[in-house]
Amino acid sequence: MKIIMNGALGKMGRQIWTLLEEGKNGTEIACGIDPSADGTDPRILPALTDFTGEADMIIDFSHHACTGALLDYAVKRALPCIIATTGHTAAELELIRKASESIPVFHSGNFSLGIAVLCDFAKRAAALMPGADIEIVEKHHNQKLDAPSGTALMLANEIKTAREEATFVCGRYGHGKRTAKEIGIHALRMGGVIGEHEVILATPTETITLKHEAHTRALFADGALAAAGFLLGKPHGLYTMHDIVK
């Protein structure tokens, strides 16, 4: 399976590039794309439109602002696309949905299998404890751009499927009591934390805390390649980590 690595010189792009060079899961490099490419590695080009060779899949770990150009290219070439960036606007999310009507698109705020399990646990706990207050706390390194994280929003949206009336409160402040419908989402940015997510469910008599901690970015690279193997040969549509673990 020949992979176009979009965002090849970023932190995650480099992780996946190493796995592609090793041929993990039967993959190989079609090319890398990164706007900062300087010709040092001829396999890495500055723009997607610079590559016209053979490929089976695009993995995108670039920036959400590139979504339009990415999907235009993917649709024109009928290439399945894995979108692993976060921070998308409502308009960009609509572009993803629209593209999935023509090509298979895999979109997730987090490519960890453990996070997929956490989402499932959190949804089930919310359904079984309808009176519990729910708070989500996420921690990341001090260079992360979006807050709350895509993973925190993914958790909140999964819980909302069990609590349709839920409302999201990001970074609570001011005066006034929380409502029973609130899901609080809190973002911490510090040091070199790779990623920690907690879902806390509390009643007057007990508290349950569900937690996932990423020890290395390699787990996201492994997850992206697992998603590539899953997506290959699929019909057009929008897929998530839920589709892998269900």
C-alpha atoms as a PDB file:
ATOM      1  CA  MET A   1       0.000   0.000   0.000  1.00  0.00           C
ATOM      2  CA  LYS A   2       1.619   3.241  -1.175  1.00  0.00           C
ATOM      3  CA  ILE A   3       1.042   6.156   1.193  1.00  0.00           C
ATOM      4  CA  ILE A   4       1.170   9.899   0.590  1.00  0.00           C
ATOM      5  CA  MET A   5       2.225  11.405   3.921  1.00  0.00           C
ATOM      6  CA  ASN A   6       0.786  14.925   4.138  1.00  0.00           C
ATOM      7  CA  GLY A   7       2.638  16.884   6.807  1.00  0.00           C
ATOM      8  CA  ALA A   8       5.704  14.672   6.504  1.00  0.00           C
ATOM      9  CA  LEU A   9       8.035  16.980   8.426  1.00  0.00           C
ATOM     10  CA  GLY A  10       5.793  17.537  11.440  1.00  0.00           C
ATOM     11  CA  LYS A  11       6.134  15.624  14.710  1.00  0.00           C
ATOM     12  CA  MET A  12       3.573  12.980  13.765  1.00  0.00           C
ATOM     13  CA  GLY A  13       4.546  12.988  10.107  1.00  0.00           C
ATOM     14  CA  ARG A  14       8.104  12.008  11.031  1.00  0.00           C
ATOM     15  CA  GLN A  15       6.820   9.198  13.266  1.00  0.00           C
ATOM     16  CA  ILE A  16       4.748   7.725  10.460  1.00  0.00           C
ATOM     17  CA  TRP A  17       7.505   8.305   7.884  1.00  0.00           C
ATOM     18  CA  THR A  18       9.801   6.047   9.919  1.00  0.00           C
ATOM     19  CA  LEU A  19       7.177   3.284   9.957  1.00  0.00           C
ATOM     20  CA  LEU A  20       6.614   3.653   6.216  1.00  0.00           C
ATOM     21  CA  GLU A  21      10.356   3.305   5.581  1.00  0.00           C
ATOM     22  CA  GLU A  22      10.248   0.096   7.641  1.00  0.00           C
ATOM     23  CA  GLY A  23       7.324  -1.173   5.550  1.00  0.00           C
ATOM     24  CA  LYS A  24       5.098  -1.630   8.580  1.00  0.00           C
ATOM     25  CA  ASN A  25       1.762  -3.343   7.835  1.00  0.00           C
ATOM     26  CA  GLY A  26       2.757  -3.727   4.188  1.00  0.00           C
ATOM     27  CA  THR A  27       3.028   0.005   3.587  1.00  0.00           C
ATOM     28  CA  GLU A  28       5.530   1.964   1.542  1.00  0.00           C
ATOM     29  CA  ILE A  29       6.200   5.607   0.756  1.00  0.00           C
ATOM     30  CA  ALA A  30       4.557   7.126  -2.313  1.00  0.00           C
ATOM     31  CA  CYS A  31       5.786  10.582  -1.339  1.00  0.00           C
ATOM     32  CA  GLY A  32       5.814  13.073   1.475  1.00  0.00           C
ATOM     33  CA  ILE A  33       4.217  16.519   1.363  1.00  0.00           C
ATOM     34  CA  ASP A  34       5.259  19.459   3.496  1.00  0.00           C
ATOM     35  CA  PRO A  35       5.355  23.196   2.677  1.00  0.00           C
ATOM     36  CA  SER A  36       8.747  23.473   4.402  1.00  0.00           C
ATOM     37  CA  ALA A  37      10.350  20.881   2.082  1.00  0.00           C
ATOM     38  CA  ASP A  38      13.713  22.231   0.877  1.00  0.00           C
ATOM     39  CA  GLY A  39      14.795  19.487  -1.514  1.00  0.00           C
ATOM     40  CA  THR A  40      17.040  17.743   1.012  1.00  0.00           C
ATOM     41  CA  ASP A  41      14.914  14.615   0.559  1.00  0.00           C
ATOM     42  CA  PRO A  42      13.623  14.410  -3.038  1.00  0.00           C
ATOM     43  CA  ARG A  43      10.755  12.194  -1.844  1.00  0.00           C
ATOM     44  CA  ILE A  44       9.243  15.149   0.067  1.00  0.00           C
ATOM     45  CA  LEU A  45       7.504  17.803  -2.039  1.00  0.00           C
ATOM     46  CA  PRO A  46       6.082  21.187  -0.990  1.00  0.00           C
ATOM     47  CA  ALA A  47       2.524  20.675  -2.323  1.00  0.00           C
ATOM     48  CA  LEU A  48       0.150  17.820  -3.037  1.00  0.00           C
ATOM     49  CA  THR A  49      -0.338  18.991  -6.605  1.00  0.00           C
ATOM     50  CA  ASP A  50       3.394  18.440  -7.202  1.00  0.00           C
ATOM     51  CA  PHE A  51       2.863  14.683  -6.973  1.00  0.00           C
ATOM     52  CA  THR A  52       1.265  12.804  -9.854  1.00  0.00           C
ATOM     53  CA  GLY A  53       2.681   9.326  -9.228  1.00  0.00           C
ATOM     54  CA  GLU A  54       0.982   6.154  -8.008  1.00  0.00           C
ATOM     55  CA  ALA A  55      -0.579   6.062  -4.555  1.00  0.00           C
ATOM     56  CA  ASP A  56      -3.238   4.122  -2.655  1.00  0.00           C
ATOM     57  CA  MET A  57      -3.927   6.353   0.323  1.00  0.00           C
ATOM     58  CA  ILE A  58      -3.312   9.777   1.883  1.00  0.00           C
ATOM     59  CA  ILE A  59      -2.549  10.165   5.582  1.00  0.00           C
ATOM     60  CA  ASP A  60      -2.918  13.768   6.724  1.00  0.00           C
ATOM     61  CA  PHE A  61      -1.162  15.089   9.815  1.00  0.00           C
ATOM     62  CA  SER A  62      -0.736  18.645   8.561  1.00  0.00           C
ATOM     63  CA  HIS A  63      -3.059  21.507   9.645  1.00  0.00           C
ATOM     64  CA  HIS A  64      -6.814  21.848   9.520  1.00  0.00           C
ATOM     65  CA  ALA A  65      -6.513  24.952   7.305  1.00  0.00           C
ATOM     66  CA  CYS A  66      -5.242  22.640   4.541  1.00  0.00           C
ATOM     67  CA  THR A  67      -8.447  20.581   4.543  1.00  0.00           C
ATOM     68  CA  GLY A  68      -9.942  22.110   1.401  1.00  0.00           C
ATOM     69  CA  ALA A  69      -6.853  21.615  -0.765  1.00  0.00           C
ATOM     70  CA  LEU A  70      -6.314  18.133   0.672  1.00  0.00           C
ATOM     71  CA  LEU A  71      -9.823  16.948  -0.133  1.00  0.00           C
ATOM     72  CA  ASP A  72      -9.870  18.570  -3.584  1.00  0.00           C
ATOM     73  CA  TYR A  73      -6.763  16.568  -4.453  1.00  0.00           C
ATOM     74  CA  ALA A  74      -8.071  13.350  -2.875  1.00  0.00           C
ATOM     75  CA  VAL A  75     -11.417  13.532  -4.680  1.00  0.00           C
ATOM     76  CA  LYS A  76      -9.852  14.371  -8.044  1.00  0.00           C
ATOM     77  CA  ARG A  77      -7.532  11.368  -7.742  1.00  0.00           C
ATOM     78  CA  ALA A  78     -10.155   9.118  -6.077  1.00  0.00           C
ATOM     79  CA  LEU A  79      -7.778   8.445  -3.176  1.00  0.00           C
ATOM     80  CA  PRO A  80      -8.975   7.304   0.257  1.00  0.00           C
ATOM     81  CA  CYS A  81      -8.001   9.849   2.872  1.00  0.00           C
ATOM     82  CA  ILE A  82      -7.164   9.586   6.569  1.00  0.00           C
ATOM     83  CA  ILE A  83      -7.566  12.940   8.310  1.00  0.00           C
ATOM     84  CA  ALA A  84      -5.775  13.040  11.651  1.00  0.00           C
ATOM     85  CA  THR A  85      -5.571  16.806  12.140  1.00  0.00           C
ATOM     86  CA  THR A  86      -7.743  18.510  14.760  1.00  0.00           C
ATOM     87  CA  GLY A  87      -9.233  21.962  15.296  1.00  0.00           C
ATOM     88  CA  HIS A  88     -11.482  21.926  12.227  1.00  0.00           C
ATOM     89  CA  THR A  89     -14.028  24.683  11.762  1.00  0.00           C
ATOM     90  CA  ALA A  90     -17.676  23.885  11.052  1.00  0.00           C
ATOM     91  CA  ALA A  91     -17.055  24.719   7.386  1.00  0.00           C
ATOM     92  CA  GLU A  92     -14.072  22.357   7.224  1.00  0.00           C
ATOM     93  CA  LEU A  93     -16.066  19.564   8.859  1.00  0.00           C
ATOM     94  CA  GLU A  94     -18.700  20.049   6.181  1.00  0.00           C
ATOM     95  CA  LEU A  95     -15.983  19.700   3.513  1.00  0.00           C
ATOM     96  CA  ILE A  96     -14.998  16.373   5.095  1.00  0.00           C
ATOM     97  CA  ARG A  97     -18.596  15.173   5.086  1.00  0.00           C
ATOM     98  CA  LYS A  98     -19.082  16.261   1.480  1.00  0.00           C
ATOM     99  CA  ALA A  99     -15.884  14.529   0.310  1.00  0.00           C
ATOM    100  CA  SER A 100     -16.997  11.302   1.993  1.00  0.00           C
ATOM    101  CA  GLU A 101     -19.859  11.158  -0.499  1.00  0.00           C
ATOM    102  CA  SER A 102     -17.247  10.503  -3.210  1.00  0.00           C
ATOM    103  CA  ILE A 103     -14.316   8.779  -1.478  1.00  0.00           C
ATOM    104  CA  PRO A 104     -13.720   6.826   1.732  1.00  0.00           C
ATOM    105  CA  VAL A 105     -12.626   9.256   4.460  1.00  0.00           C
ATOM    106  CA  PHE A 106     -11.403   8.228   7.914  1.00  0.00           C
ATOM    107  CA  HIS A 107     -11.592  11.120  10.390  1.00  0.00           C
ATOM    108  CA  SER A 108     -10.769  10.970  14.076  1.00  0.00           C
ATOM    109  CA  GLY A 109      -9.595  13.369  16.758  1.00  0.00           C
ATOM    110  CA  ASN A 110      -7.390  10.607  18.138  1.00  0.00           C
ATOM    111  CA  PHE A 111      -5.944   7.445  16.570  1.00  0.00           C
ATOM    112  CA  SER A 112      -5.370   5.544  19.809  1.00  0.00           C
ATOM    113  CA  LEU A 113      -7.248   2.275  20.241  1.00  0.00           C
ATOM    114  CA  GLY A 114      -7.253   2.999  23.976  1.00  0.00           C
ATOM    115  CA  ILE A 115      -9.094   6.281  23.384  1.00  0.00           C
ATOM    116  CA  ALA A 116     -11.676   4.435  21.304  1.00  0.00           C
ATOM    117  CA  VAL A 117     -12.207   2.109  24.278  1.00  0.00           C
ATOM    118  CA  LEU A 118     -12.406   5.122  26.628  1.00  0.00           C
ATOM    119  CA  CYS A 119     -15.120   6.667  24.430  1.00  0.00           C
ATOM    120  CA  ASP A 120     -17.132   3.454  24.656  1.00  0.00           C
ATOM    121  CA  PHE A 121     -16.711   3.220  28.446  1.00  0.00           C
ATOM    122  CA  ALA A 122     -17.644   6.892  28.914  1.00  0.00           C
ATOM    123  CA  LYS A 123     -20.793   6.547  26.826  1.00  0.00           C
ATOM    124  CA  ARG A 124     -21.914   3.448  28.712  1.00  0.00           C
ATOM    125  CA  ALA A 125     -21.174   5.003  32.100  1.00  0.00           C
ATOM    126  CA  ALA A 126     -23.141   8.141  31.189  1.00  0.00           C
ATOM    127  CA  ALA A 127     -26.113   6.009  30.173  1.00  0.00           C
ATOM    128  CA  LEU A 128     -25.981   3.891  33.348  1.00  0.00           C
ATOM    129  CA  MET A 129     -25.544   6.934  35.632  1.00  0.00           C
ATOM    130  CA  PRO A 130     -28.082   9.429  34.243  1.00  0.00           C
ATOM    131  CA  GLY A 131     -27.908  11.619  37.346  1.00  0.00           C
ATOM    132  CA  ALA A 132     -24.112  11.951  37.453  1.00  0.00           C
ATOM    133  CA  ASP A 133     -22.313  15.214  36.763  1.00  0.00           C
ATOM    134  CA  ILE A 134     -19.740  14.753  33.985  1.00  0.00           C
ATOM    135  CA  GLU A 135     -16.486  16.653  33.586  1.00  0.00           C
ATOM    136  CA  ILE A 136     -13.736  16.076  31.013  1.00  0.00           C
ATOM    137  CA  VAL A 137     -10.159  17.172  31.729  1.00  0.00           C
ATOM    138  CA  GLU A 138      -7.512  17.061  28.998  1.00  0.00           C
ATOM    139  CA  LYS A 139      -3.796  17.830  29.321  1.00  0.00           C
ATOM    140  CA  HIS A 140      -1.336  18.495  26.488  1.00  0.00           C
ATOM    141  CA  HIS A 141       2.056  20.074  25.828  1.00  0.00           C
ATOM    142  CA  ASN A 142       2.414  23.840  25.785  1.00  0.00           C
ATOM    143  CA  GLN A 143       2.752  24.012  21.983  1.00  0.00           C
ATOM    144  CA  LYS A 144      -0.680  22.536  21.172  1.00  0.00           C
ATOM    145  CA  LEU A 145      -2.766  25.013  19.196  1.00  0.00           C
ATOM    146  CA  ASP A 146      -6.393  23.933  19.657  1.00  0.00           C
ATOM    147  CA  ALA A 147      -8.334  23.848  22.902  1.00  0.00           C
ATOM    148  CA  PRO A 148     -10.232  21.848  23.856  1.00  0.00           C
ATOM    149  CA  SER A 149      -8.479  18.986  22.122  1.00  0.00           C
ATOM    150  CA  GLY A 150     -10.110  17.045  19.325  1.00  0.00           C
ATOM    151  CA  THR A 151     -10.078  14.013  21.608  1.00  0.00           C
ATOM    152  CA  ALA A 152     -11.921  15.844  24.399  1.00  0.00           C
ATOM    153  CA  LEU A 153     -14.589  16.899  21.913  1.00  0.00           C
ATOM    154  CA  MET A 154     -14.743  13.343  20.584  1.00  0.00           C
ATOM    155  CA  LEU A 155     -15.368  12.081  24.125  1.00  0.00           C
ATOM    156  CA  ALA A 156     -18.006  14.752  24.744  1.00  0.00           C
ATOM    157  CA  ASN A 157     -19.816  13.981  21.501  1.00  0.00           C
ATOM    158  CA  GLU A 158     -19.778  10.258  22.253  1.00  0.00           C
ATOM    159  CA  ILE A 159     -21.289  10.918  25.695  1.00  0.00           C
ATOM    160  CA  LYS A 160     -23.895  13.162  24.084  1.00  0.00           C
ATOM    161  CA  THR A 161     -25.215  10.171  22.123  1.00  0.00           C
ATOM    162  CA  ALA A 162     -26.275   8.766  25.512  1.00  0.00           C
ATOM    163  CA  ARG A 163     -27.411  12.162  26.820  1.00  0.00           C
ATOM    164  CA  GLU A 164     -29.040  13.966  23.931  1.00  0.00           C
ATOM    165  CA  GLU A 165     -29.863  17.067  26.000  1.00  0.00           C
ATOM    166  CA  ALA A 166     -26.252  17.594  27.099  1.00  0.00           C
ATOM    167  CA  THR A 167     -24.601  20.979  26.604  1.00  0.00           C
ATOM    168  CA  PHE A 168     -20.848  21.608  26.512  1.00  0.00           C
ATOM    169  CA  VAL A 169     -19.223  24.193  28.775  1.00  0.00           C
ATOM    170  CA  CYS A 170     -15.590  24.799  27.851  1.00  0.00           C
ATOM    171  CA  GLY A 171     -13.431  26.358  30.549  1.00  0.00           C
ATOM    172  CA  ARG A 172     -16.073  27.182  33.154  1.00  0.00           C
ATOM    173  CA  TYR A 173     -15.823  30.650  34.702  1.00  0.00           C
ATOM    174  CA  GLY A 174     -17.988  33.329  36.339  1.00  0.00           C
ATOM    175  CA  HIS A 175     -20.759  32.908  38.895  1.00  0.00           C
ATOM    176  CA  GLY A 176     -23.610  30.447  38.947  1.00  0.00           C
ATOM    177  CA  LYS A 177     -24.260  26.759  39.528  1.00  0.00           C
ATOM    178  CA  ARG A 178     -23.647  24.156  36.852  1.00  0.00           C
ATOM    179  CA  THR A 179     -26.797  22.777  35.279  1.00  0.00           C
ATOM    180  CA  ALA A 180     -27.652  19.096  35.308  1.00  0.00           C
ATOM    181  CA  LYS A 181     -27.226  18.963  31.531  1.00  0.00           C
ATOM    182  CA  GLU A 182     -23.685  20.347  31.436  1.00  0.00           C
ATOM    183  CA  ILE A 183     -20.574  18.460  30.363  1.00  0.00           C
ATOM    184  CA  GLY A 184     -17.625  20.527  31.508  1.00  0.00           C
ATOM    185  CA  ILE A 185     -14.512  20.435  29.294  1.00  0.00           C
ATOM    186  CA  HIS A 186     -11.234  21.753  30.671  1.00  0.00           C
ATOM    187  CA  ALA A 187      -7.950  22.175  28.777  1.00  0.00           C
ATOM    188  CA  LEU A 188      -4.522  22.264  30.473  1.00  0.00           C
ATOM    189  CA  ARG A 189      -1.388  23.188  28.503  1.00  0.00           C
ATOM    190  CA  MET A 190       1.974  22.510  30.132  1.00  0.00           C
ATOM    191  CA  GLY A 191       5.456  21.231  29.497  1.00  0.00           C
ATOM    192  CA  GLY A 192       5.818  18.276  27.167  1.00  0.00           C
ATOM    193  CA  VAL A 193       2.685  16.306  28.057  1.00  0.00           C
ATOM    194  CA  ILE A 194       1.825  14.120  25.051  1.00  0.00           C
ATOM    195  CA  GLY A 195      -1.810  13.638  25.966  1.00  0.00           C
ATOM    196  CA  GLU A 196      -3.939  12.764  28.980  1.00  0.00           C
ATOM    197  CA  HIS A 197      -7.738  12.577  29.063  1.00  0.00           C
ATOM    198  CA  GLU A 198     -10.004  12.025  32.055  1.00  0.00           C
ATOM    199  CA  VAL A 199     -13.759  11.594  32.161  1.00  0.00           C
ATOM    200  CA  ILE A 200     -15.140  12.121  35.665  1.00  0.00           C
ATOM    201  CA  LEU A 201     -18.680  11.065  36.600  1.00  0.00           C
ATOM    202  CA  ALA A 202     -19.821  12.141  40.072  1.00  0.00           C
ATOM    203  CA  THR A 203     -22.993  11.696  42.098  1.00  0.00           C
ATOM    204  CA  PRO A 204     -23.543  12.752  45.715  1.00  0.00           C
ATOM    205  CA  THR A 205     -22.470   9.251  46.807  1.00  0.00           C
ATOM    206  CA  GLU A 206     -19.719   8.123  44.410  1.00  0.00           C
ATOM    207  CA  THR A 207     -17.254   9.163  41.722  1.00  0.00           C
ATOM    208  CA  ILE A 208     -15.938   7.228  38.738  1.00  0.00           C
ATOM    209  CA  THR A 209     -12.829   8.442  36.913  1.00  0.00           C
ATOM    210  CA  LEU A 210     -11.921   7.009  33.502  1.00  0.00           C
ATOM    211  CA  LYS A 211      -8.462   7.954  32.307  1.00  0.00           C
ATOM    212  CA  HIS A 212      -6.208   7.450  29.291  1.00  0.00           C
ATOM    213  CA  GLU A 213      -2.575   8.544  29.156  1.00  0.00           C
ATOM    214  CA  ALA A 214      -0.412   8.494  26.034  1.00  0.00           C
ATOM    215  CA  HIS A 215       3.212   7.594  26.785  1.00  0.00           C
ATOM    216  CA  THR A 216       4.574   8.142  23.278  1.00  0.00           C
ATOM    217  CA  ARG A 217       3.385   9.552  19.938  1.00  0.00           C
ATOM    218  CA  ALA A 218       4.186   6.183  18.389  1.00  0.00           C
ATOM    219  CA  LEU A 219       0.745   4.927  19.419  1.00  0.00           C
ATOM    220  CA  PHE A 220      -0.904   7.511  17.139  1.00  0.00           C
ATOM    221  CA  ALA A 221       1.342   6.507  14.245  1.00  0.00           C
ATOM    222  CA  ASP A 222       0.444   2.850  14.752  1.00  0.00           C
ATOM    223  CA  GLY A 223      -3.227   3.784  14.878  1.00  0.00           C
ATOM    224  CA  ALA A 224      -3.033   5.782  11.656  1.00  0.00           C
ATOM    225  CA  LEU A 225      -1.521   2.829   9.810  1.00  0.00           C
ATOM    226  CA  ALA A 226      -4.156   0.514  11.291  1.00  0.00           C
ATOM    227  CA  ALA A 227      -6.777   2.925   9.969  1.00  0.00           C
ATOM    228  CA  ALA A 228      -5.119   2.837   6.544  1.00  0.00           C
ATOM    229  CA  GLY A 229      -5.354  -0.946   6.458  1.00  0.00           C
ATOM    230  CA  PHE A 230      -9.005  -0.736   7.511  1.00  0.00           C
ATOM    231  CA  LEU A 231      -9.891   1.930   4.928  1.00  0.00           C
ATOM    232  CA  LEU A 232      -8.271   0.285   1.910  1.00  0.00           C
ATOM    233  CA  GLY A 233     -10.968  -1.166  -0.330  1.00  0.00           C
ATOM    234  CA  LYS A 234     -13.862   0.422   1.574  1.00  0.00           C
ATOM    235  CA  PRO A 235     -16.674   2.175  -0.331  1.00  0.00           C
ATOM    236  CA  HIS A 236     -17.094   5.921  -0.072  1.00  0.00           C
ATOM    237  CA  GLY A 237     -18.273   7.076   3.333  1.00  0.00           C
ATOM    238  CA  LEU A 238     -17.130   8.647   6.580  1.00  0.00           C
ATOM    239  CA  TYR A 239     -15.361   6.296   9.007  1.00  0.00           C
ATOM    240  CA  THR A 240     -14.036   6.736  12.561  1.00  0.00           C
ATOM    241  CA  MET A 241     -12.165   4.739  15.204  1.00  0.00           C
ATOM    242  CA  HIS A 242     -15.569   3.492  16.332  1.00  0.00           C
ATOM    243  CA  ASP A 243     -15.809   1.525  13.101  1.00  0.00           C
ATOM    244  CA  ILE A 244     -12.558  -0.285  13.909  1.00  0.00           C
ATOM    245  CA  VAL A 245     -13.494  -1.328  17.444  1.00  0.00           C
ATOM    246  CA  LYS A 246     -17.198  -2.059  17.050  1.00  0.00           C
END
